[in-house]
Structure formats: structure tokens, C-alpha cells
Protein backbone atom coordinates (compact mmCIF):
# COMPACT_ATOMS: atom_id res chain seq x y z
CA UNK A 1 0.00 0.00 0.00
CA UNK A 2 1.21 3.53 -0.78
CA UNK A 3 1.06 5.92 2.16
CA UNK A 4 1.67 9.64 2.56
CA UNK A 5 2.94 10.70 5.96
CA UNK A 6 2.78 14.41 6.80
CA UNK A 7 4.74 15.72 9.77
CA UNK A 8 5.16 19.11 11.41
CA UNK A 9 8.87 18.97 12.05
CA UNK A 10 11.64 16.67 10.90
CA UNK A 11 11.22 13.13 12.31
CA UNK A 12 14.31 12.12 14.26
CA UNK A 13 15.14 9.41 16.78
CA UNK A 14 15.29 11.88 19.70
CA UNK A 15 12.98 14.79 20.51
CA UNK A 16 9.33 14.44 21.58
CA UNK A 17 6.67 14.15 18.89
CA UNK A 18 9.39 14.00 16.26
CA UNK A 19 10.63 10.79 17.90
CA UNK A 20 7.17 9.22 17.66
CA UNK A 21 6.93 10.24 14.01
CA UNK A 22 10.36 8.76 13.28
CA UNK A 23 9.45 5.36 14.70
CA UNK A 24 5.99 5.37 13.08
CA UNK A 25 7.70 6.05 9.74
CA UNK A 26 10.21 3.28 10.40
CA UNK A 27 7.46 0.77 11.29
CA UNK A 28 5.25 1.68 8.33
CA UNK A 29 8.15 1.37 5.92
CA UNK A 30 8.52 -2.33 6.80
CA UNK A 31 5.27 -3.23 5.06
CA UNK A 32 4.29 -0.19 2.96
CA UNK A 33 5.72 2.28 0.49
CA UNK A 34 5.82 5.57 2.37
CA UNK A 35 6.24 9.09 1.00
CA UNK A 36 7.10 11.72 3.59
CA UNK A 37 6.02 15.37 3.51
CA UNK A 38 7.79 17.47 6.14
CA UNK A 39 6.55 20.93 7.18
CA UNK A 40 9.31 22.53 9.20
CA UNK A 41 11.33 25.62 9.92
CA UNK A 42 14.07 26.01 7.27
CA UNK A 43 16.77 25.89 9.96
CA UNK A 44 15.81 22.26 10.69
CA UNK A 45 16.60 21.29 7.09
CA UNK A 46 20.11 22.70 7.31
CA UNK A 47 21.15 20.65 10.33
CA UNK A 48 23.83 18.14 9.42
CA UNK A 49 22.66 14.57 8.84
CA UNK A 50 19.01 15.19 9.73
CA UNK A 51 17.53 13.99 6.44
CA UNK A 52 19.76 11.03 5.60
CA UNK A 53 18.04 8.54 7.97
CA UNK A 54 14.65 9.50 6.50
CA UNK A 55 15.65 8.36 3.02
CA UNK A 56 16.30 4.92 4.50
CA UNK A 57 12.61 4.55 5.41
CA UNK A 58 10.74 6.78 2.95
CA UNK A 59 10.60 6.28 -0.81
CA UNK A 60 10.47 10.05 -1.26
CA UNK A 61 10.99 12.96 1.11
CA UNK A 62 9.59 16.40 0.31
CA UNK A 63 10.40 19.43 2.45
CA UNK A 64 8.15 22.44 2.77
CA UNK A 65 9.39 25.50 4.61
CA UNK A 66 6.88 26.48 7.29
CA UNK A 67 7.21 28.92 10.15
CA UNK A 68 5.04 28.38 13.19
CA UNK A 69 2.86 31.28 14.28
CA UNK A 70 4.62 33.71 16.59
CA UNK A 71 2.59 32.68 19.64
CA UNK A 72 3.36 29.46 21.41
CA UNK A 73 1.18 26.44 20.59
CA UNK A 74 0.59 25.78 24.29
CA UNK A 75 -0.47 29.38 24.90
CA UNK A 76 -2.98 29.16 22.06
CA UNK A 77 -4.34 25.90 23.50
CA UNK A 78 -4.65 27.46 26.95
CA UNK A 79 -6.50 30.49 25.61
CA UNK A 80 -8.83 28.27 23.56
CA UNK A 81 -9.61 26.28 26.72
CA UNK A 82 -10.72 29.44 28.51
CA UNK A 83 -12.77 30.48 25.48
CA UNK A 84 -14.56 27.12 25.50
CA UNK A 85 -13.18 25.87 22.17
């Protein structure tokens, strides 16, 4: 089966949600053909050796430069909680 995996941030073996995404990609690649679409800050792409492990598990890796909104994600979630969203 062909799968498209979309991540916010570069999957890597260490680092929170990115760690989970890395191991999900690794597991899916054992039985499926996986294409990876990464939305991340351009500085993440420039880090040495970050993308090479991904090519081992994904048939194709596409990078899209994306800057997170200026406010913190957690702050937005907290405010939405108070607003009843």
C-alpha cells in the first residue's frame, strides 16, 4: 500500500513528537511504500545529517518550509480552553 505521511517537524530518533513520528515512519516502511512530507522551519533542514536517515525509510521525502505562528502552541491551546473551544 502507498502511504503519505505528513509531519510538522523533521522526524528524528530523539525529541518528543518527532521521535514518535520517526518510529511510526520506520514501522510503516517495513510493510508499505511511504512518502514523507515534512513541514518545518528552514533551519531544521540545514542541520547536518538530519535527512539522511529519513531516506532509508521513505521512498520520497519532500520538504516544505513552514514557520510556526509567533505565539506558542501551548499558549494558544490554553486560551482556547478558557474560550470554550
